[in-house]
Amino acid sequence: MREANASGRPPLSLLVAAFAAVYVIWGSTYLAIKFAIETLPPFLMAGGRFLIAGSILYLWARGAERPSWIHWRTSLIVGALLLLIGNGSV
């Protein structure tokens, strides 16, 4: 990664590359959902996506401090809303 310039801001090319990566990755999610629900029921497909993402996050966060019960409760609420409203309404 390149160093920040004298003002502490990252180079413009790095910002453009990061924006492009988010744009392509996030945008391709909806295209993948469109093709996946042609062969899988929507909630099964969404559950599989969350299972894969959760497994990756678990492996990444294994060495970190364990979350408190309040964090688990908040995560459960957010996850349920994402599953039921975010993917359920697609």
PDB file of N, CA and C in Angstrom:
ATOM      1  N   MET A   1       0.842  -1.171   0.000  1.00  0.00           N
ATOM      2  CA  MET A   1       0.000   0.000   0.000  1.00  0.00           C
ATOM      3  C   MET A   1       0.888   1.235   0.000  1.00  0.00           C
ATOM      4  N   ARG A   2       0.456   2.246  -0.699  1.00  0.00           N
ATOM      5  CA  ARG A   2       1.236   3.479  -0.786  1.00  0.00           C
ATOM      6  C   ARG A   2       1.079   4.315   0.474  1.00  0.00           C
ATOM      7  N   GLU A   3       2.066   5.150   0.698  1.00  0.00           N
ATOM      8  CA  GLU A   3       2.038   6.045   1.848  1.00  0.00           C
ATOM      9  C   GLU A   3       1.085   7.207   1.592  1.00  0.00           C
ATOM     10  N   ALA A   4       0.554   7.761   2.663  1.00  0.00           N
ATOM     11  CA  ALA A   4      -0.281   8.956   2.547  1.00  0.00           C
ATOM     12  C   ALA A   4       0.610  10.146   2.212  1.00  0.00           C
ATOM     13  N   ASN A   5       0.034  11.142   1.555  1.00  0.00           N
ATOM     14  CA  ASN A   5       0.833  12.323   1.216  1.00  0.00           C
ATOM     15  C   ASN A   5       1.015  13.204   2.448  1.00  0.00           C
ATOM     16  N   ALA A   6       1.632  14.357   2.276  1.00  0.00           N
ATOM     17  CA  ALA A   6       1.976  15.224   3.404  1.00  0.00           C
ATOM     18  C   ALA A   6       0.756  15.659   4.206  1.00  0.00           C
ATOM     19  N   SER A   7      -0.407  15.775   3.566  1.00  0.00           N
ATOM     20  CA  SER A   7      -1.603  16.212   4.287  1.00  0.00           C
ATOM     21  C   SER A   7      -2.259  15.069   5.053  1.00  0.00           C
ATOM     22  N   GLY A   8      -1.727  13.863   4.930  1.00  0.00           N
ATOM     23  CA  GLY A   8      -2.300  12.723   5.636  1.00  0.00           C
ATOM     24  C   GLY A   8      -3.407  12.027   4.866  1.00  0.00           C
ATOM     25  N   ARG A   9      -3.715  12.510   3.675  1.00  0.00           N
ATOM     26  CA  ARG A   9      -4.773  11.910   2.859  1.00  0.00           C
ATOM     27  C   ARG A   9      -4.174  10.836   1.968  1.00  0.00           C
ATOM     28  N   PRO A  10      -4.897   9.746   1.748  1.00  0.00           N
ATOM     29  CA  PRO A  10      -4.400   8.717   0.836  1.00  0.00           C
ATOM     30  C   PRO A  10      -4.430   9.229  -0.600  1.00  0.00           C
ATOM     31  N   PRO A  11      -3.620   8.640  -1.466  1.00  0.00           N
ATOM     32  CA  PRO A  11      -3.608   9.074  -2.868  1.00  0.00           C
ATOM     33  C   PRO A  11      -4.973   8.873  -3.520  1.00  0.00           C
ATOM     34  N   LEU A  12      -5.292   9.721  -4.471  1.00  0.00           N
ATOM     35  CA  LEU A  12      -6.574   9.654  -5.169  1.00  0.00           C
ATOM     36  C   LEU A  12      -6.752   8.310  -5.867  1.00  0.00           C
ATOM     37  N   SER A  13      -5.676   7.776  -6.430  1.00  0.00           N
ATOM     38  CA  SER A  13      -5.781   6.487  -7.129  1.00  0.00           C
ATOM     39  C   SER A  13      -6.199   5.368  -6.177  1.00  0.00           C
ATOM     40  N   LEU A  14      -5.733   5.415  -4.936  1.00  0.00           N
ATOM     41  CA  LEU A  14      -6.120   4.409  -3.950  1.00  0.00           C
ATOM     42  C   LEU A  14      -7.601   4.543  -3.596  1.00  0.00           C
ATOM     43  N   LEU A  15      -8.078   5.764  -3.457  1.00  0.00           N
ATOM     44  CA  LEU A  15      -9.494   5.986  -3.167  1.00  0.00           C
ATOM     45  C   LEU A  15     -10.378   5.512  -4.313  1.00  0.00           C
ATOM     46  N   VAL A  16      -9.965   5.797  -5.538  1.00  0.00           N
ATOM     47  CA  VAL A  16     -10.737   5.367  -6.706  1.00  0.00           C
ATOM     48  C   VAL A  16     -10.757   3.844  -6.792  1.00  0.00           C
ATOM     49  N   ALA A  17      -9.617   3.198  -6.543  1.00  0.00           N
ATOM     50  CA  ALA A  17      -9.558   1.731  -6.584  1.00  0.00           C
ATOM     51  C   ALA A  17     -10.439   1.115  -5.501  1.00  0.00           C
ATOM     52  N   ALA A  18     -10.423   1.686  -4.298  1.00  0.00           N
ATOM     53  CA  ALA A  18     -11.263   1.170  -3.218  1.00  0.00           C
ATOM     54  C   ALA A  18     -12.740   1.347  -3.553  1.00  0.00           C
ATOM     55  N   PHE A  19     -13.100   2.497  -4.089  1.00  0.00           N
ATOM     56  CA  PHE A  19     -14.488   2.740  -4.481  1.00  0.00           C
ATOM     57  C   PHE A  19     -14.916   1.771  -5.574  1.00  0.00           C
ATOM     58  N   ALA A  20     -14.050   1.552  -6.554  1.00  0.00           N
ATOM     59  CA  ALA A  20     -14.372   0.629  -7.646  1.00  0.00           C
ATOM     60  C   ALA A  20     -14.556  -0.794  -7.122  1.00  0.00           C
ATOM     61  N   ALA A  21     -13.716  -1.206  -6.182  1.00  0.00           N
ATOM     62  CA  ALA A  21     -13.840  -2.550  -5.611  1.00  0.00           C
ATOM     63  C   ALA A  21     -15.170  -2.704  -4.881  1.00  0.00           C
ATOM     64  N   VAL A  22     -15.533  -1.727  -4.068  1.00  0.00           N
ATOM     65  CA  VAL A  22     -16.816  -1.783  -3.363  1.00  0.00           C
ATOM     66  C   VAL A  22     -17.963  -1.784  -4.362  1.00  0.00           C
ATOM     67  N   TYR A  23     -17.883  -0.961  -5.369  1.00  0.00           N
ATOM     68  CA  TYR A  23     -18.929  -0.852  -6.382  1.00  0.00           C
ATOM     69  C   TYR A  23     -19.141  -2.187  -7.091  1.00  0.00           C
ATOM     70  N   VAL A  24     -18.059  -2.831  -7.522  1.00  0.00           N
ATOM     71  CA  VAL A  24     -18.159  -4.096  -8.255  1.00  0.00           C
ATOM     72  C   VAL A  24     -18.616  -5.227  -7.341  1.00  0.00           C
ATOM     73  N   ILE A  25     -18.008  -5.339  -6.157  1.00  0.00           N
ATOM     74  CA  ILE A  25     -18.361  -6.437  -5.250  1.00  0.00           C
ATOM     75  C   ILE A  25     -19.799  -6.292  -4.769  1.00  0.00           C
ATOM     76  N   TRP A  26     -20.171  -5.104  -4.314  1.00  0.00           N
ATOM     77  CA  TRP A  26     -21.527  -4.892  -3.809  1.00  0.00           C
ATOM     78  C   TRP A  26     -22.548  -5.039  -4.931  1.00  0.00           C
ATOM     79  N   GLY A  27     -22.243  -4.493  -6.087  1.00  0.00           N
ATOM     80  CA  GLY A  27     -23.164  -4.581  -7.217  1.00  0.00           C
ATOM     81  C   GLY A  27     -23.344  -5.997  -7.728  1.00  0.00           C
ATOM     82  N   SER A  28     -22.293  -6.791  -7.686  1.00  0.00           N
ATOM     83  CA  SER A  28     -22.402  -8.166  -8.174  1.00  0.00           C
ATOM     84  C   SER A  28     -23.238  -9.035  -7.244  1.00  0.00           C
ATOM     85  N   THR A  29     -23.409  -8.618  -6.006  1.00  0.00           N
ATOM     86  CA  THR A  29     -24.234  -9.379  -5.069  1.00  0.00           C
ATOM     87  C   THR A  29     -25.658  -9.514  -5.590  1.00  0.00           C
ATOM     88  N   TYR A  30     -26.222  -8.436  -6.071  1.00  0.00           N
ATOM     89  CA  TYR A  30     -27.606  -8.474  -6.540  1.00  0.00           C
ATOM     90  C   TYR A  30     -27.744  -9.277  -7.826  1.00  0.00           C
ATOM     91  N   LEU A  31     -26.740  -9.247  -8.669  1.00  0.00           N
ATOM     92  CA  LEU A  31     -26.747 -10.086  -9.863  1.00  0.00           C
ATOM     93  C   LEU A  31     -26.678 -11.558  -9.470  1.00  0.00           C
ATOM     94  N   ALA A  32     -25.834 -11.876  -8.494  1.00  0.00           N
ATOM     95  CA  ALA A  32     -25.734 -13.259  -8.022  1.00  0.00           C
ATOM     96  C   ALA A  32     -27.049 -13.718  -7.394  1.00  0.00           C
ATOM     97  N   ILE A  33     -27.711 -12.856  -6.638  1.00  0.00           N
ATOM     98  CA  ILE A  33     -29.004 -13.202  -6.044  1.00  0.00           C
ATOM     99  C   ILE A  33     -30.019 -13.488  -7.140  1.00  0.00           C
ATOM    100  N   LYS A  34     -30.026 -12.671  -8.174  1.00  0.00           N
ATOM    101  CA  LYS A  34     -30.979 -12.860  -9.273  1.00  0.00           C
ATOM    102  C   LYS A  34     -30.821 -14.236  -9.909  1.00  0.00           C
ATOM    103  N   PHE A  35     -29.582 -14.649 -10.173  1.00  0.00           N
ATOM    104  CA  PHE A  35     -29.351 -15.953 -10.785  1.00  0.00           C
ATOM    105  C   PHE A  35     -29.568 -17.097  -9.794  1.00  0.00           C
ATOM    106  N   ALA A  36     -29.212 -16.886  -8.530  1.00  0.00           N
ATOM    107  CA  ALA A  36     -29.322 -17.957  -7.541  1.00  0.00           C
ATOM    108  C   ALA A  36     -30.772 -18.305  -7.229  1.00  0.00           C
ATOM    109  N   ILE A  37     -31.663 -17.317  -7.176  1.00  0.00           N
ATOM    110  CA  ILE A  37     -33.049 -17.639  -6.820  1.00  0.00           C
ATOM    111  C   ILE A  37     -33.802 -18.324  -7.949  1.00  0.00           C
ATOM    112  N   GLU A  38     -33.169 -18.433  -9.121  1.00  0.00           N
ATOM    113  CA  GLU A  38     -33.783 -19.215 -10.196  1.00  0.00           C
ATOM    114  C   GLU A  38     -33.677 -20.712  -9.916  1.00  0.00           C
ATOM    115  N   THR A  39     -32.703 -21.112  -9.089  1.00  0.00           N
ATOM    116  CA  THR A  39     -32.507 -22.533  -8.790  1.00  0.00           C
ATOM    117  C   THR A  39     -32.717 -22.881  -7.327  1.00  0.00           C
ATOM    118  N   LEU A  40     -32.626 -21.909  -6.429  1.00  0.00           N
ATOM    119  CA  LEU A  40     -32.783 -22.156  -4.992  1.00  0.00           C
ATOM    120  C   LEU A  40     -33.917 -21.298  -4.443  1.00  0.00           C
ATOM    121  N   PRO A  41     -34.609 -21.794  -3.414  1.00  0.00           N
ATOM    122  CA  PRO A  41     -35.581 -20.928  -2.735  1.00  0.00           C
ATOM    123  C   PRO A  41     -34.851 -19.728  -2.109  1.00  0.00           C
ATOM    124  N   PRO A  42     -35.470 -18.558  -2.110  1.00  0.00           N
ATOM    125  CA  PRO A  42     -34.782 -17.347  -1.643  1.00  0.00           C
ATOM    126  C   PRO A  42     -34.208 -17.439  -0.234  1.00  0.00           C
ATOM    127  N   PHE A  43     -34.968 -17.981   0.713  1.00  0.00           N
ATOM    128  CA  PHE A  43     -34.461 -18.022   2.083  1.00  0.00           C
ATOM    129  C   PHE A  43     -33.351 -19.051   2.253  1.00  0.00           C
ATOM    130  N   LEU A  44     -33.380 -20.145   1.503  1.00  0.00           N
ATOM    131  CA  LEU A  44     -32.292 -21.121   1.549  1.00  0.00           C
ATOM    132  C   LEU A  44     -31.014 -20.496   0.991  1.00  0.00           C
ATOM    133  N   MET A  45     -31.139 -19.786  -0.102  1.00  0.00           N
ATOM    134  CA  MET A  45     -29.987 -19.125  -0.697  1.00  0.00           C
ATOM    135  C   MET A  45     -29.427 -18.059   0.244  1.00  0.00           C
ATOM    136  N   ALA A  46     -30.299 -17.265   0.839  1.00  0.00           N
ATOM    137  CA  ALA A  46     -29.847 -16.227   1.771  1.00  0.00           C
ATOM    138  C   ALA A  46     -29.200 -16.852   3.000  1.00  0.00           C
ATOM    139  N   GLY A  47     -29.790 -17.918   3.507  1.00  0.00           N
ATOM    140  CA  GLY A  47     -29.206 -18.604   4.659  1.00  0.00           C
ATOM    141  C   GLY A  47     -27.828 -19.152   4.347  1.00  0.00           C
ATOM    142  N   GLY A  48     -27.660 -19.699   3.152  1.00  0.00           N
ATOM    143  CA  GLY A  48     -26.349 -20.199   2.742  1.00  0.00           C
ATOM    144  C   GLY A  48     -25.317 -19.088   2.659  1.00  0.00           C
ATOM    145  N   ARG A  49     -25.728 -17.951   2.127  1.00  0.00           N
ATOM    146  CA  ARG A  49     -24.819 -16.798   2.048  1.00  0.00           C
ATOM    147  C   ARG A  49     -24.395 -16.341   3.437  1.00  0.00           C
ATOM    148  N   PHE A  50     -25.356 -16.276   4.355  1.00  0.00           N
ATOM    149  CA  PHE A  50     -25.022 -15.849   5.711  1.00  0.00           C
ATOM    150  C   PHE A  50     -24.163 -16.882   6.427  1.00  0.00           C
ATOM    151  N   LEU A  51     -24.399 -18.154   6.176  1.00  0.00           N
ATOM    152  CA  LEU A  51     -23.583 -19.203   6.784  1.00  0.00           C
ATOM    153  C   LEU A  51     -22.135 -19.098   6.311  1.00  0.00           C
ATOM    154  N   ILE A  52     -21.944 -18.910   5.023  1.00  0.00           N
ATOM    155  CA  ILE A  52     -20.587 -18.770   4.484  1.00  0.00           C
ATOM    156  C   ILE A  52     -19.919 -17.515   5.039  1.00  0.00           C
ATOM    157  N   ALA A  53     -20.637 -16.395   5.022  1.00  0.00           N
ATOM    158  CA  ALA A  53     -20.068 -15.142   5.536  1.00  0.00           C
ATOM    159  C   ALA A  53     -19.753 -15.250   7.022  1.00  0.00           C
ATOM    160  N   GLY A  54     -20.652 -15.854   7.787  1.00  0.00           N
ATOM    161  CA  GLY A  54     -20.414 -16.021   9.217  1.00  0.00           C
ATOM    162  C   GLY A  54     -19.225 -16.912   9.506  1.00  0.00           C
ATOM    163  N   SER A  55     -19.065 -17.957   8.718  1.00  0.00           N
ATOM    164  CA  SER A  55     -17.917 -18.854   8.896  1.00  0.00           C
ATOM    165  C   SER A  55     -16.606 -18.129   8.617  1.00  0.00           C
ATOM    166  N   ILE A  56     -16.591 -17.336   7.558  1.00  0.00           N
ATOM    167  CA  ILE A  56     -15.384 -16.566   7.237  1.00  0.00           C
ATOM    168  C   ILE A  56     -15.084 -15.565   8.346  1.00  0.00           C
ATOM    169  N   LEU A  57     -16.106 -14.863   8.830  1.00  0.00           N
ATOM    170  CA  LEU A  57     -15.899 -13.899   9.916  1.00  0.00           C
ATOM    171  C   LEU A  57     -15.449 -14.582  11.199  1.00  0.00           C
ATOM    172  N   TYR A  58     -15.992 -15.766  11.479  1.00  0.00           N
ATOM    173  CA  TYR A  58     -15.578 -16.503  12.672  1.00  0.00           C
ATOM    174  C   TYR A  58     -14.095 -16.858  12.596  1.00  0.00           C
ATOM    175  N   LEU A  59     -13.662 -17.388  11.457  1.00  0.00           N
ATOM    176  CA  LEU A  59     -12.252 -17.744  11.300  1.00  0.00           C
ATOM    177  C   LEU A  59     -11.357 -16.515  11.426  1.00  0.00           C
ATOM    178  N   TRP A  60     -11.813 -15.391  10.899  1.00  0.00           N
ATOM    179  CA  TRP A  60     -11.038 -14.160  10.955  1.00  0.00           C
ATOM    180  C   TRP A  60     -10.952 -13.612  12.386  1.00  0.00           C
ATOM    181  N   ALA A  61     -12.025 -13.765  13.174  1.00  0.00           N
ATOM    182  CA  ALA A  61     -12.097 -13.143  14.500  1.00  0.00           C
ATOM    183  C   ALA A  61     -11.764 -14.098  15.640  1.00  0.00           C
ATOM    184  N   ARG A  62     -11.278 -15.284  15.357  1.00  0.00           N
ATOM    185  CA  ARG A  62     -11.009 -16.254  16.415  1.00  0.00           C
ATOM    186  C   ARG A  62     -10.080 -15.733  17.494  1.00  0.00           C
ATOM    187  N   GLY A  63      -9.074 -14.973  17.130  1.00  0.00           N
ATOM    188  CA  GLY A  63      -8.104 -14.502  18.104  1.00  0.00           C
ATOM    189  C   GLY A  63      -8.536 -13.257  18.858  1.00  0.00           C
ATOM    190  N   ALA A  64      -9.623 -12.646  18.469  1.00  0.00           N
ATOM    191  CA  ALA A  64     -10.073 -11.399  19.105  1.00  0.00           C
ATOM    192  C   ALA A  64     -10.798 -11.696  20.421  1.00  0.00           C
ATOM    193  N   GLU A  65     -11.013 -10.655  21.172  1.00  0.00           N
ATOM    194  CA  GLU A  65     -11.741 -10.769  22.438  1.00  0.00           C
ATOM    195  C   GLU A  65     -13.172 -11.235  22.176  1.00  0.00           C
ATOM    196  N   ARG A  66     -13.693 -12.076  23.062  1.00  0.00           N
ATOM    197  CA  ARG A  66     -15.043 -12.622  22.880  1.00  0.00           C
ATOM    198  C   ARG A  66     -16.090 -11.523  23.072  1.00  0.00           C
ATOM    199  N   PRO A  67     -17.131 -11.516  22.234  1.00  0.00           N
ATOM    200  CA  PRO A  67     -18.180 -10.502  22.374  1.00  0.00           C
ATOM    201  C   PRO A  67     -19.042 -10.747  23.615  1.00  0.00           C
ATOM    202  N   SER A  68     -19.592  -9.669  24.144  1.00  0.00           N
ATOM    203  CA  SER A  68     -20.475  -9.782  25.303  1.00  0.00           C
ATOM    204  C   SER A  68     -21.867 -10.211  24.841  1.00  0.00           C
ATOM    205  N   TRP A  69     -22.732 -10.518  25.798  1.00  0.00           N
ATOM    206  CA  TRP A  69     -24.101 -10.926  25.456  1.00  0.00           C
ATOM    207  C   TRP A  69     -24.879  -9.792  24.799  1.00  0.00           C
ATOM    208  N   ILE A  70     -24.566  -8.559  25.155  1.00  0.00           N
ATOM    209  CA  ILE A  70     -25.230  -7.416  24.516  1.00  0.00           C
ATOM    210  C   ILE A  70     -24.866  -7.363  23.032  1.00  0.00           C
ATOM    211  N   HIS A  71     -23.596  -7.624  22.716  1.00  0.00           N
ATOM    212  CA  HIS A  71     -23.187  -7.666  21.308  1.00  0.00           C
ATOM    213  C   HIS A  71     -23.915  -8.777  20.564  1.00  0.00           C
ATOM    214  N   TRP A  72     -24.063  -9.944  21.205  1.00  0.00           N
ATOM    215  CA  TRP A  72     -24.770 -11.063  20.563  1.00  0.00           C
ATOM    216  C   TRP A  72     -26.228 -10.699  20.304  1.00  0.00           C
ATOM    217  N   ARG A  73     -26.871 -10.069  21.283  1.00  0.00           N
ATOM    218  CA  ARG A  73     -28.275  -9.687  21.117  1.00  0.00           C
ATOM    219  C   ARG A  73     -28.444  -8.696  19.968  1.00  0.00           C
ATOM    220  N   THR A  74     -27.597  -7.678  19.936  1.00  0.00           N
ATOM    221  CA  THR A  74     -27.660  -6.686  18.871  1.00  0.00           C
ATOM    222  C   THR A  74     -27.399  -7.326  17.512  1.00  0.00           C
ATOM    223  N   SER A  75     -26.427  -8.209  17.451  1.00  0.00           N
ATOM    224  CA  SER A  75     -26.112  -8.890  16.189  1.00  0.00           C
ATOM    225  C   SER A  75     -27.264  -9.770  15.733  1.00  0.00           C
ATOM    226  N   LEU A  76     -27.944 -10.414  16.663  1.00  0.00           N
ATOM    227  CA  LEU A  76     -29.090 -11.249  16.320  1.00  0.00           C
ATOM    228  C   LEU A  76     -30.216 -10.402  15.723  1.00  0.00           C
ATOM    229  N   ILE A  77     -30.478  -9.263  16.313  1.00  0.00           N
ATOM    230  CA  ILE A  77     -31.528  -8.375  15.799  1.00  0.00           C
ATOM    231  C   ILE A  77     -31.170  -7.874  14.400  1.00  0.00           C
ATOM    232  N   VAL A  78     -29.943  -7.405  14.229  1.00  0.00           N
ATOM    233  CA  VAL A  78     -29.516  -6.902  12.916  1.00  0.00           C
ATOM    234  C   VAL A  78     -29.545  -8.021  11.883  1.00  0.00           C
ATOM    235  N   GLY A  79     -29.062  -9.205  12.238  1.00  0.00           N
ATOM    236  CA  GLY A  79     -29.067 -10.331  11.313  1.00  0.00           C
ATOM    237  C   GLY A  79     -30.467 -10.731  10.902  1.00  0.00           C
ATOM    238  N   ALA A  80     -31.392 -10.754  11.855  1.00  0.00           N
ATOM    239  CA  ALA A  80     -32.775 -11.114  11.535  1.00  0.00           C
ATOM    240  C   ALA A  80     -33.404 -10.080  10.603  1.00  0.00           C
ATOM    241  N   LEU A  81     -33.151  -8.807  10.868  1.00  0.00           N
ATOM    242  CA  LEU A  81     -33.693  -7.765   9.994  1.00  0.00           C
ATOM    243  C   LEU A  81     -33.101  -7.844   8.589  1.00  0.00           C
ATOM    244  N   LEU A  82     -31.796  -8.102   8.498  1.00  0.00           N
ATOM    245  CA  LEU A  82     -31.174  -8.248   7.179  1.00  0.00           C
ATOM    246  C   LEU A  82     -31.765  -9.424   6.419  1.00  0.00           C
ATOM    247  N   LEU A  83     -31.946 -10.533   7.098  1.00  0.00           N
ATOM    248  CA  LEU A  83     -32.465 -11.726   6.439  1.00  0.00           C
ATOM    249  C   LEU A  83     -33.918 -11.541   6.026  1.00  0.00           C
ATOM    250  N   LEU A  84     -34.748 -11.054   6.935  1.00  0.00           N
ATOM    251  CA  LEU A  84     -36.177 -10.969   6.669  1.00  0.00           C
ATOM    252  C   LEU A  84     -36.560  -9.791   5.778  1.00  0.00           C
ATOM    253  N   ILE A  85     -35.935  -8.656   5.986  1.00  0.00           N
ATOM    254  CA  ILE A  85     -36.308  -7.471   5.217  1.00  0.00           C
ATOM    255  C   ILE A  85     -35.384  -7.276   4.017  1.00  0.00           C
ATOM    256  N   GLY A  86     -34.078  -7.333   4.247  1.00  0.00           N
ATOM    257  CA  GLY A  86     -33.126  -7.088   3.168  1.00  0.00           C
ATOM    258  C   GLY A  86     -33.208  -8.110   2.056  1.00  0.00           C
ATOM    259  N   ASN A  87     -33.080  -9.378   2.386  1.00  0.00           N
ATOM    260  CA  ASN A  87     -33.106 -10.419   1.359  1.00  0.00           C
ATOM    261  C   ASN A  87     -34.513 -10.926   1.095  1.00  0.00           C
ATOM    262  N   GLY A  88     -35.364 -10.880   2.085  1.00  0.00           N
ATOM    263  CA  GLY A  88     -36.722 -11.375   1.897  1.00  0.00           C
ATOM    264  C   GLY A  88     -37.549 -10.522   0.960  1.00  0.00           C
ATOM    265  N   SER A  89     -37.171  -9.262   0.812  1.00  0.00           N
ATOM    266  CA  SER A  89     -37.945  -8.379  -0.060  1.00  0.00           C
ATOM    267  C   SER A  89     -37.357  -8.260  -1.466  1.00  0.00           C
ATOM    268  N   VAL A  90     -36.270  -8.948  -1.735  1.00  0.00           N
ATOM    269  CA  VAL A  90     -35.650  -8.873  -3.077  1.00  0.00           C
ATOM    270  C   VAL A  90     -36.493  -9.628  -4.067  1.00  0.00           C
TER     271      VAL A  90
END
